[in-house]
C-alpha atoms as a PDB file:
ATOM      1  CA  ARG A   1      96.863  47.192  47.228  1.00  0.00           C
ATOM      2  CA  GLN A   2      99.740  49.034  48.859  1.00  0.00           C
ATOM      3  CA  THR A   3     100.891  50.630  45.607  1.00  0.00           C
ATOM      4  CA  MET A   4      97.390  51.990  44.955  1.00  0.00           C
ATOM      5  CA  VAL A   5      97.363  54.238  48.023  1.00  0.00           C
ATOM      6  CA  PRO A   6      99.119  57.269  46.410  1.00  0.00           C
ATOM      7  CA  ASP A   7      96.617  57.055  43.515  1.00  0.00           C
ATOM      8  CA  VAL A   8      93.634  57.104  45.874  1.00  0.00           C
ATOM      9  CA  VAL A   9      94.573  59.993  48.205  1.00  0.00           C
ATOM     10  CA  GLU A  10      96.395  63.294  47.799  1.00  0.00           C
ATOM     11  CA  ARG A  11     100.082  63.358  48.701  1.00  0.00           C
ATOM     12  CA  ARG A  12      99.501  65.570  51.754  1.00  0.00           C
ATOM     13  CA  HIS A  13      97.204  62.882  53.163  1.00  0.00           C
ATOM     14  CA  LEU A  14      99.515  59.963  52.357  1.00  0.00           C
ATOM     15  CA  THR A  15     100.900  59.568  55.883  1.00  0.00           C
ATOM     16  CA  SER A  16      97.413  59.440  57.367  1.00  0.00           C
ATOM     17  CA  ALA A  17      96.248  57.035  54.663  1.00  0.00           C
ATOM     18  CA  ILE A  18      99.106  54.606  55.294  1.00  0.00           C
ATOM     19  CA  GLY A  19      98.458  54.873  59.022  1.00  0.00           C
ATOM     20  CA  LEU A  20      94.768  54.080  58.555  1.00  0.00           C
ATOM     21  CA  LEU A  21      95.609  51.142  56.290  1.00  0.00           C
ATOM     22  CA  GLN A  22      97.794  49.753  59.064  1.00  0.00           C
ATOM     23  CA  VAL A  23      95.025  50.509  61.579  1.00  0.00           C
ATOM     24  CA  SER A  24      92.642  48.270  59.662  1.00  0.00           C
ATOM     25  CA  GLN A  25      95.196  45.461  59.738  1.00  0.00           C
ATOM     26  CA  GLY A  26      95.891  46.013  63.422  1.00  0.00           C
ATOM     27  CA  LEU A  27      92.201  46.034  64.287  1.00  0.00           C
ATOM     28  CA  THR A  28      91.577  42.735  62.549  1.00  0.00           C
ATOM     29  CA  ALA A  29      94.717  41.311  64.189  1.00  0.00           C
ATOM     30  CA  VAL A  30      93.233  42.071  67.604  1.00  0.00           C
ATOM     31  CA  VAL A  31      89.750  40.778  66.802  1.00  0.00           C
ATOM     32  CA  GLY A  32      91.083  37.766  64.912  1.00  0.00           C
ATOM     33  CA  ALA A  33      93.452  36.732  67.669  1.00  0.00           C
ATOM     34  CA  LEU A  34      90.826  37.081  70.399  1.00  0.00           C
ATOM     35  CA  THR A  35      88.150  35.153  68.515  1.00  0.00           C
ATOM     36  CA  GLY A  36      90.562  32.638  66.991  1.00  0.00           C
ATOM     37  CA  GLY A  37      91.565  31.235  70.361  1.00  0.00           C
ATOM     38  CA  TYR A  38      87.925  30.471  71.185  1.00  0.00           C
ATOM     39  CA  LEU A  39      86.856  29.374  67.686  1.00  0.00           C
ATOM     40  CA  TYR A  40      89.715  26.885  67.510  1.00  0.00           C
ATOM     41  CA  GLN A  41      88.148  24.940  70.350  1.00  0.00           C
ATOM     42  CA  ILE A  42      84.717  25.053  68.696  1.00  0.00           C
ATOM     43  CA  VAL A  43      85.277  24.557  64.965  1.00  0.00           C
ATOM     44  CA  GLY A  44      88.877  23.333  64.919  1.00  0.00           C
ATOM     45  CA  ALA A  45      91.745  24.400  62.679  1.00  0.00           C
ATOM     46  CA  GLY A  46      89.843  23.548  59.473  1.00  0.00           C
ATOM     47  CA  GLY A  47      86.905  25.727  60.458  1.00  0.00           C
ATOM     48  CA  CYS A  48      89.227  28.623  61.283  1.00  0.00           C
ATOM     49  CA  PHE A  49      90.902  28.383  57.875  1.00  0.00           C
ATOM     50  CA  ALA A  50      87.491  28.295  56.191  1.00  0.00           C
ATOM     51  CA  LEU A  51      86.539  31.538  57.952  1.00  0.00           C
ATOM     52  CA  ILE A  52      89.856  33.101  56.900  1.00  0.00           C
ATOM     53  CA  THR A  53      89.142  32.119  53.283  1.00  0.00           C
ATOM     54  CA  GLY A  54      85.734  33.776  53.472  1.00  0.00           C
ATOM     55  CA  ALA A  55      87.307  36.941  54.871  1.00  0.00           C
ATOM     56  CA  PHE A  56      89.770  37.136  51.966  1.00  0.00           C
ATOM     57  CA  LEU A  57      86.967  36.666  49.447  1.00  0.00           C
ATOM     58  CA  PHE A  58      85.025  39.493  51.088  1.00  0.00           C
ATOM     59  CA  ALA A  59      88.123  41.742  50.993  1.00  0.00           C
ATOM     60  CA  GLY A  60      88.633  41.040  47.291  1.00  0.00           C
ATOM     61  CA  ILE A  61      85.037  41.932  46.487  1.00  0.00           C
ATOM     62  CA  ALA A  62      85.292  45.107  48.570  1.00  0.00           C
ATOM     63  CA  LEU A  63      88.177  46.366  46.380  1.00  0.00           C
ATOM     64  CA  THR A  64      86.224  46.242  43.111  1.00  0.00           C
ATOM     65  CA  PRO A  65      84.406  49.630  43.431  1.00  0.00           C
ATOM     66  CA  ILE A  66      87.684  51.572  43.890  1.00  0.00           C
ATOM     67  CA  ARG A  67      88.471  54.031  41.101  1.00  0.00           C
ATOM     68  CA  LEU A  68      91.979  55.441  40.887  1.00  0.00           C
ATOM     69  CA  ALA A  69      92.731  59.110  40.332  1.00  0.00           C
ATOM     70  CA  GLY A  70      93.414  60.149  36.755  1.00  0.00           C
ATOM     71  CA  GLY A  71      96.987  60.360  35.532  1.00  0.00           C
ATOM     72  CA  THR A  72      99.512  58.809  33.236  1.00  0.00           C
ATOM     73  CA  SER A  73      99.051  55.071  32.967  1.00  0.00           C
ATOM     74  CA  VAL A  74     102.111  52.891  32.659  1.00  0.00           C
ATOM     75  CA  VAL A  75     101.538  49.783  30.562  1.00  0.00           C
ATOM     76  CA  VAL A  76     103.936  46.979  31.455  1.00  0.00           C
ATOM     77  CA  LYS A  77     104.261  44.056  29.044  1.00  0.00           C
ATOM     78  CA  GLU A  78     107.355  42.434  30.538  1.00  0.00           C
ATOM     79  CA  SER A  79     107.371  39.297  32.675  1.00  0.00           C
ATOM     80  CA  VAL A  80     106.970  39.340  36.442  1.00  0.00           C
ATOM     81  CA  TRP A  81     110.589  38.276  36.935  1.00  0.00           C
ATOM     82  CA  LYS A  82     111.891  40.987  34.598  1.00  0.00           C
ATOM     83  CA  SER A  83     109.803  43.577  36.438  1.00  0.00           C
ATOM     84  CA  LEU A  84     111.175  42.277  39.738  1.00  0.00           C
ATOM     85  CA  ALA A  85     114.729  42.517  38.395  1.00  0.00           C
ATOM     86  CA  GLU A  86     114.129  46.084  37.215  1.00  0.00           C
ATOM     87  CA  GLY A  87     112.747  47.054  40.600  1.00  0.00           C
ATOM     88  CA  THR A  88     115.759  45.471  42.295  1.00  0.00           C
ATOM     89  CA  ARG A  89     118.166  47.458  40.097  1.00  0.00           C
ATOM     90  CA  TYR A  90     116.292  50.677  40.841  1.00  0.00           C
ATOM     91  CA  ILE A  91     116.486  50.000  44.578  1.00  0.00           C
ATOM     92  CA  ALA A  92     120.173  49.045  44.404  1.00  0.00           C
ATOM     93  CA  ASN A  93     120.974  52.475  42.925  1.00  0.00           C
ATOM     94  CA  ASP A  94     119.333  54.265  45.871  1.00  0.00           C
ATOM     95  CA  ARG A  95     120.980  53.568  49.221  1.00  0.00           C
ATOM     96  CA  SER A  96     117.990  54.822  51.209  1.00  0.00           C
ATOM     97  CA  LEU A  97     115.620  52.450  49.403  1.00  0.00           C
ATOM     98  CA  SER A  98     118.151  49.645  49.797  1.00  0.00           C
ATOM     99  CA  ALA A  99     118.310  50.334  53.525  1.00  0.00           C
ATOM    100  CA  LEU A 100     114.511  50.233  53.786  1.00  0.00           C
ATOM    101  CA  MET A 101     114.514  46.831  52.077  1.00  0.00           C
ATOM    102  CA  LEU A 102     117.247  45.597  54.390  1.00  0.00           C
ATOM    103  CA  LEU A 103     115.260  46.736  57.428  1.00  0.00           C
ATOM    104  CA  ALA A 104     112.217  44.879  56.105  1.00  0.00           C
ATOM    105  CA  ALA A 105     114.313  41.759  55.471  1.00  0.00           C
ATOM    106  CA  ILE A 106     115.818  41.918  58.974  1.00  0.00           C
ATOM    107  CA  ALA A 107     112.361  42.231  60.506  1.00  0.00           C
ATOM    108  CA  ASN A 108     111.104  39.184  58.603  1.00  0.00           C
ATOM    109  CA  LEU A 109     114.196  37.121  59.365  1.00  0.00           C
ATOM    110  CA  PHE A 110     114.540  37.887  63.070  1.00  0.00           C
ATOM    111  CA  ALA A 111     111.674  39.887  64.610  1.00  0.00           C
ATOM    112  CA  PHE A 112     108.475  38.506  63.081  1.00  0.00           C
ATOM    113  CA  PRO A 113     109.334  34.837  63.845  1.00  0.00           C
ATOM    114  CA  CYS A 114     109.268  35.739  67.534  1.00  0.00           C
ATOM    115  CA  THR A 115     105.516  36.316  67.327  1.00  0.00           C
ATOM    116  CA  VAL A 116     104.249  34.422  64.273  1.00  0.00           C
ATOM    117  CA  GLY A 117     106.682  31.525  64.680  1.00  0.00           C
ATOM    118  CA  VAL A 118     107.533  30.572  68.257  1.00  0.00           C
ATOM    119  CA  MET A 119     104.974  32.544  70.253  1.00  0.00           C
ATOM    120  CA  ALA A 120     102.809  29.447  70.682  1.00  0.00           C
ATOM    121  CA  VAL A 121     105.761  27.490  72.095  1.00  0.00           C
ATOM    122  CA  PHE A 122     106.652  30.376  74.422  1.00  0.00           C
ATOM    123  CA  ALA A 123     103.059  30.571  75.642  1.00  0.00           C
ATOM    124  CA  ARG A 124     102.945  26.837  76.340  1.00  0.00           C
ATOM    125  CA  ASP A 125     106.419  26.199  77.768  1.00  0.00           C
ATOM    126  CA  VAL A 126     107.241  29.475  79.532  1.00  0.00           C
ATOM    127  CA  LEU A 127     103.929  31.104  80.451  1.00  0.00           C
ATOM    128  CA  TYR A 128     101.990  27.803  80.778  1.00  0.00           C
ATOM    129  CA  VAL A 129      98.844  29.121  79.095  1.00  0.00           C
ATOM    130  CA  SER A 130      96.405  27.460  76.676  1.00  0.00           C
ATOM    131  CA  SER A 131      95.202  28.550  73.231  1.00  0.00           C
ATOM    132  CA  GLU A 132      93.092  31.258  74.889  1.00  0.00           C
ATOM    133  CA  GLY A 133      96.211  32.698  76.538  1.00  0.00           C
ATOM    134  CA  LEU A 134      97.985  32.576  73.197  1.00  0.00           C
ATOM    135  CA  GLY A 135      95.047  34.439  71.697  1.00  0.00           C
ATOM    136  CA  PHE A 136      95.447  37.163  74.331  1.00  0.00           C
ATOM    137  CA  LEU A 137      99.169  37.455  73.566  1.00  0.00           C
ATOM    138  CA  LEU A 138      98.594  37.777  69.826  1.00  0.00           C
ATOM    139  CA  ALA A 139      95.754  40.230  70.404  1.00  0.00           C
ATOM    140  CA  ALA A 140      97.982  42.315  72.676  1.00  0.00           C
ATOM    141  CA  GLU A 141     100.652  42.464  69.984  1.00  0.00           C
ATOM    142  CA  GLY A 142      97.996  43.404  67.440  1.00  0.00           C
ATOM    143  CA  LEU A 143      96.667  46.088  69.806  1.00  0.00           C
ATOM    144  CA  GLY A 144     100.153  47.578  70.000  1.00  0.00           C
ATOM    145  CA  GLY A 145     100.368  47.608  66.216  1.00  0.00           C
ATOM    146  CA  LEU A 146      96.974  49.299  66.090  1.00  0.00           C
ATOM    147  CA  LEU A 147      98.105  52.011  68.512  1.00  0.00           C
ATOM    148  CA  GLY A 148     101.309  52.551  66.545  1.00  0.00           C
ATOM    149  CA  SER A 149      99.364  52.905  63.308  1.00  0.00           C
ATOM    150  CA  LEU A 150      96.950  55.371  64.903  1.00  0.00           C
ATOM    151  CA  PHE A 151      99.917  57.412  66.064  1.00  0.00           C
ATOM    152  CA  LEU A 152     101.372  57.457  62.545  1.00  0.00           C
ATOM    153  CA  SER A 153      98.052  58.529  61.022  1.00  0.00           C
ATOM    154  CA  SER A 154      98.071  61.556  63.345  1.00  0.00           C
ATOM    155  CA  LEU A 155     101.580  62.719  62.337  1.00  0.00           C
ATOM    156  CA  GLY A 156     100.545  64.395  59.088  1.00  0.00           C
ATOM    157  CA  GLN A 157     103.438  66.478  57.737  1.00  0.00           C
ATOM    158  CA  PHE A 158     105.890  65.344  60.431  1.00  0.00           C
ATOM    159  CA  ASP A 159     109.380  65.999  58.991  1.00  0.00           C
ATOM    160  CA  HIS A 160     111.506  63.507  60.922  1.00  0.00           C
ATOM    161  CA  LYS A 161     110.083  60.193  59.807  1.00  0.00           C
ATOM    162  CA  GLY A 162     113.541  58.782  59.087  1.00  0.00           C
ATOM    163  CA  TRP A 163     114.684  59.355  62.641  1.00  0.00           C
ATOM    164  CA  LEU A 164     111.423  57.906  63.961  1.00  0.00           C
ATOM    165  CA  LEU A 165     111.933  54.818  61.786  1.00  0.00           C
ATOM    166  CA  GLY A 166     115.455  54.333  63.126  1.00  0.00           C
ATOM    167  CA  ALA A 167     114.198  54.590  66.708  1.00  0.00           C
ATOM    168  CA  VAL A 168     111.307  52.154  66.383  1.00  0.00           C
ATOM    169  CA  ALA A 169     113.381  49.717  64.286  1.00  0.00           C
ATOM    170  CA  LEU A 170     115.649  49.359  67.325  1.00  0.00           C
ATOM    171  CA  ALA A 171     112.894  49.588  69.944  1.00  0.00           C
ATOM    172  CA  TRP A 172     110.876  46.695  68.487  1.00  0.00           C
ATOM    173  CA  PRO A 173     113.555  43.996  68.957  1.00  0.00           C
ATOM    174  CA  GLY A 174     114.576  45.668  72.210  1.00  0.00           C
ATOM    175  CA  MET A 175     111.098  45.048  73.613  1.00  0.00           C
ATOM    176  CA  LEU A 176     111.137  41.493  72.226  1.00  0.00           C
ATOM    177  CA  ALA A 177     114.339  40.896  74.201  1.00  0.00           C
ATOM    178  CA  ILE A 178     112.556  42.044  77.357  1.00  0.00           C
ATOM    179  CA  PHE A 179     109.554  39.892  76.402  1.00  0.00           C
ATOM    180  CA  SER A 180     111.792  36.802  76.256  1.00  0.00           C
ATOM    181  CA  LEU A 181     112.584  37.323  79.941  1.00  0.00           C
ATOM    182  CA  SER A 182     108.908  37.495  80.974  1.00  0.00           C
ATOM    183  CA  ASN A 183     107.583  34.620  83.055  1.00  0.00           C
ATOM    184  CA  THR A 184     104.050  35.757  83.852  1.00  0.00           C
ATOM    185  CA  LEU A 185     101.179  36.484  81.480  1.00  0.00           C
ATOM    186  CA  PRO A 186     100.385  40.040  82.707  1.00  0.00           C
ATOM    187  CA  VAL A 187     104.000  41.170  82.301  1.00  0.00           C
ATOM    188  CA  ALA A 188     104.264  39.481  78.901  1.00  0.00           C
ATOM    189  CA  LEU A 189     101.044  41.160  77.744  1.00  0.00           C
ATOM    190  CA  PHE A 190     102.279  44.626  78.701  1.00  0.00           C
ATOM    191  CA  VAL A 191     105.670  44.186  77.049  1.00  0.00           C
ATOM    192  CA  ILE A 192     104.254  42.714  73.849  1.00  0.00           C
ATOM    193  CA  VAL A 193     101.845  45.655  73.513  1.00  0.00           C
ATOM    194  CA  VAL A 194     104.801  48.064  73.564  1.00  0.00           C
ATOM    195  CA  ALA A 195     106.650  45.852  71.084  1.00  0.00           C
ATOM    196  CA  GLY A 196     103.557  45.924  68.881  1.00  0.00           C
ATOM    197  CA  VAL A 197     103.505  49.724  68.912  1.00  0.00           C
ATOM    198  CA  ALA A 198     107.086  49.800  67.643  1.00  0.00           C
ATOM    199  CA  ARG A 199     106.327  47.078  65.084  1.00  0.00           C
ATOM    200  CA  GLY A 200     103.294  48.946  63.761  1.00  0.00           C
ATOM    201  CA  LEU A 201     105.261  52.156  63.337  1.00  0.00           C
ATOM    202  CA  ASP A 202     108.242  50.346  61.818  1.00  0.00           C
ATOM    203  CA  MET A 203     106.286  48.536  59.101  1.00  0.00           C
ATOM    204  CA  ALA A 204     104.075  51.526  58.310  1.00  0.00           C
ATOM    205  CA  LEU A 205     107.029  53.902  57.993  1.00  0.00           C
ATOM    206  CA  ILE A 206     108.910  51.507  55.686  1.00  0.00           C
ATOM    207  CA  HIS A 207     105.771  51.253  53.547  1.00  0.00           C
ATOM    208  CA  LEU A 208     105.292  55.034  53.503  1.00  0.00           C
ATOM    209  CA  LEU A 209     108.887  55.950  52.711  1.00  0.00           C
ATOM    210  CA  LEU A 210     109.152  53.359  49.924  1.00  0.00           C
ATOM    211  CA  LEU A 211     106.118  54.949  48.269  1.00  0.00           C
ATOM    212  CA  VAL A 212     107.283  58.532  48.802  1.00  0.00           C
ATOM    213  CA  TRP A 213     110.877  58.024  47.678  1.00  0.00           C
ATOM    214  CA  SER A 214     110.030  55.951  44.572  1.00  0.00           C
ATOM    215  CA  GLU A 215     109.123  57.455  41.206  1.00  0.00           C
ATOM    216  CA  ALA A 216     105.519  56.867  40.186  1.00  0.00           C
ATOM    217  CA  GLY A 217     106.394  54.770  37.127  1.00  0.00           C
ATOM    218  CA  ILE A 218     108.525  52.311  39.110  1.00  0.00           C
ATOM    219  CA  ARG A 219     106.531  52.304  42.346  1.00  0.00           C
ATOM    220  CA  GLY A 220     104.702  49.061  41.609  1.00  0.00           C
ATOM    221  CA  ARG A 221     107.976  47.226  40.973  1.00  0.00           C
ATOM    222  CA  VAL A 222     109.484  48.601  44.176  1.00  0.00           C
ATOM    223  CA  MET A 223     106.539  47.395  46.238  1.00  0.00           C
ATOM    224  CA  GLY A 224     106.744  44.070  44.405  1.00  0.00           C
ATOM    225  CA  VAL A 225     110.314  43.681  45.651  1.00  0.00           C
ATOM    226  CA  ARG A 226     109.100  44.675  49.116  1.00  0.00           C
ATOM    227  CA  MET A 227     106.536  41.869  49.057  1.00  0.00           C
ATOM    228  CA  PHE A 228     109.158  39.419  47.774  1.00  0.00           C
ATOM    229  CA  VAL A 229     111.335  40.235  50.798  1.00  0.00           C
ATOM    230  CA  ILE A 230     108.696  38.553  52.955  1.00  0.00           C
ATOM    231  CA  ILE A 231     110.262  35.267  51.808  1.00  0.00           C
ATOM    232  CA  MET A 232     112.808  35.900  54.558  1.00  0.00           C
ATOM    233  CA  LEU A 233     110.048  35.061  57.035  1.00  0.00           C
ATOM    234  CA  THR A 234     110.093  31.487  55.721  1.00  0.00           C
ATOM    235  CA  PHE A 235     113.762  31.104  56.600  1.00  0.00           C
ATOM    236  CA  GLY A 236     113.276  32.982  59.866  1.00  0.00           C
ATOM    237  CA  ASN A 237     110.478  30.706  61.009  1.00  0.00           C
ATOM    238  CA  PHE A 238     112.431  27.599  59.991  1.00  0.00           C
ATOM    239  CA  LEU A 239     115.580  28.640  61.842  1.00  0.00           C
ATOM    240  CA  SER A 240     113.642  29.895  64.870  1.00  0.00           C
ATOM    241  CA  GLY A 241     111.736  26.622  65.054  1.00  0.00           C
ATOM    242  CA  LEU A 242     114.985  24.657  65.037  1.00  0.00           C
ATOM    243  CA  GLY A 243     116.424  26.962  67.686  1.00  0.00           C
ATOM    244  CA  ALA A 244     113.332  26.717  69.890  1.00  0.00           C
ATOM    245  CA  ALA A 245     113.467  22.922  69.723  1.00  0.00           C
ATOM    246  CA  GLU A 246     117.140  22.905  70.678  1.00  0.00           C
ATOM    247  CA  TRP A 247     117.435  25.733  73.203  1.00  0.00           C
ATOM    248  CA  GLY A 248     113.870  26.763  74.080  1.00  0.00           C
ATOM    249  CA  ALA A 249     111.520  29.487  72.885  1.00  0.00           C
ATOM    250  CA  ALA A 250     112.737  32.128  75.344  1.00  0.00           C
ATOM    251  CA  THR A 251     116.364  31.694  74.297  1.00  0.00           C
ATOM    252  CA  ILE A 252     115.671  31.881  70.578  1.00  0.00           C
ATOM    253  CA  ILE A 253     113.465  34.975  71.001  1.00  0.00           C
ATOM    254  CA  LEU A 254     116.291  36.673  72.905  1.00  0.00           C
ATOM    255  CA  PHE A 255     118.837  35.621  70.257  1.00  0.00           C
ATOM    256  CA  ASN A 256     116.608  36.858  67.414  1.00  0.00           C
ATOM    257  CA  ALA A 257     116.002  40.163  69.193  1.00  0.00           C
ATOM    258  CA  LEU A 258     119.712  40.814  69.723  1.00  0.00           C
ATOM    259  CA  ALA A 259     120.531  39.787  66.145  1.00  0.00           C
ATOM    260  CA  SER A 260     117.818  42.109  64.868  1.00  0.00           C
ATOM    261  CA  MET A 261     119.141  45.043  66.895  1.00  0.00           C
ATOM    262  CA  LEU A 262     122.729  44.539  65.734  1.00  0.00           C
ATOM    263  CA  THR A 263     121.885  44.155  62.037  1.00  0.00           C
ATOM    264  CA  THR A 264     119.461  47.087  62.188  1.00  0.00           C
ATOM    265  CA  LEU A 265     122.121  49.291  63.765  1.00  0.00           C
ATOM    266  CA  ALA A 266     124.614  48.210  61.089  1.00  0.00           C
ATOM    267  CA  THR A 267     122.100  49.115  58.373  1.00  0.00           C
ATOM    268  CA  LEU A 268     121.483  52.559  59.843  1.00  0.00           C
ATOM    269  CA  LEU A 269     125.235  53.197  60.045  1.00  0.00           C
ATOM    270  CA  TRP A 270     125.610  52.056  56.420  1.00  0.00           C
ATOM    271  CA  ALA A 271     122.856  54.405  55.210  1.00  0.00           C
ATOM    272  CA  PRO A 272     122.711  57.372  57.625  1.00  0.00           C
ATOM    273  CA  HIS A 273     121.036  59.521  54.960  1.00  0.00           C
ATOM    274  CA  LEU A 274     117.926  57.423  55.605  1.00  0.00           C
ATOM    275  CA  LEU A 275     117.466  59.217  58.902  1.00  0.00           C
ATOM    276  CA  TYR A 276     117.190  62.761  57.546  1.00  0.00           C
ATOM    277  CA  ARG A 277     116.198  62.375  53.882  1.00  0.00           C
ATOM    278  CA  PRO A 278     113.202  64.659  53.115  1.00  0.00           C
ATOM    279  CA  GLU A 279     109.989  63.333  51.633  1.00  0.00           C
END
């Protein structure tokens, strides 16, 4: 789905297209979080998962009418693992692409577990709110992501996307660190919205720059590696869960945020060309 975007829109509209794709995800994150908190009490976890399944089926059907723009087709007959290995080699030979992958891995290992992993524990043990309060927190984070995506879609031919990526990649965990110190729901909601804005911009810019800086024939493999990097979220959630059980949700969110900032800064220093490389 992500690789198809450059084949659906013209290059000059690619930034707006990626932004709108993220907007759709952010919008459903807000609506889903708000309704999920209420539906959980009505239909239970099983009913919620059934509704999610139906939504995915609808999304799959909605993709079938799409026709890609004409061009040279690349027929790949190699295995998935060989394609993944080829994409990894291609990325390893380009420090900017490697840095983008590292930033994505860092986000999945440290930043995302703060919201998709231990947010429920933080809501219960620190803010003392129920599933409805958790729904508001997740919706607020989704709203921030929606606003960030809308902002990206309005940038158009903005020439400093690398610098913007570096800024939001540091701002996102910075706001999560502040969030870990929140002890009231209103304050937590405000901070997590700002964190969501940075998160939305961060993920959308990584997506955009991977597509722009990759050759058309290898683009699918590059995005395949990008999706494989999400496996870091598994380890991040596991480690964050252990940390939350031992030291509390607030402490582990603060630790993850600081670790994310330090490793992100190290990545930017390792690949400074990422900040000013042209599209």
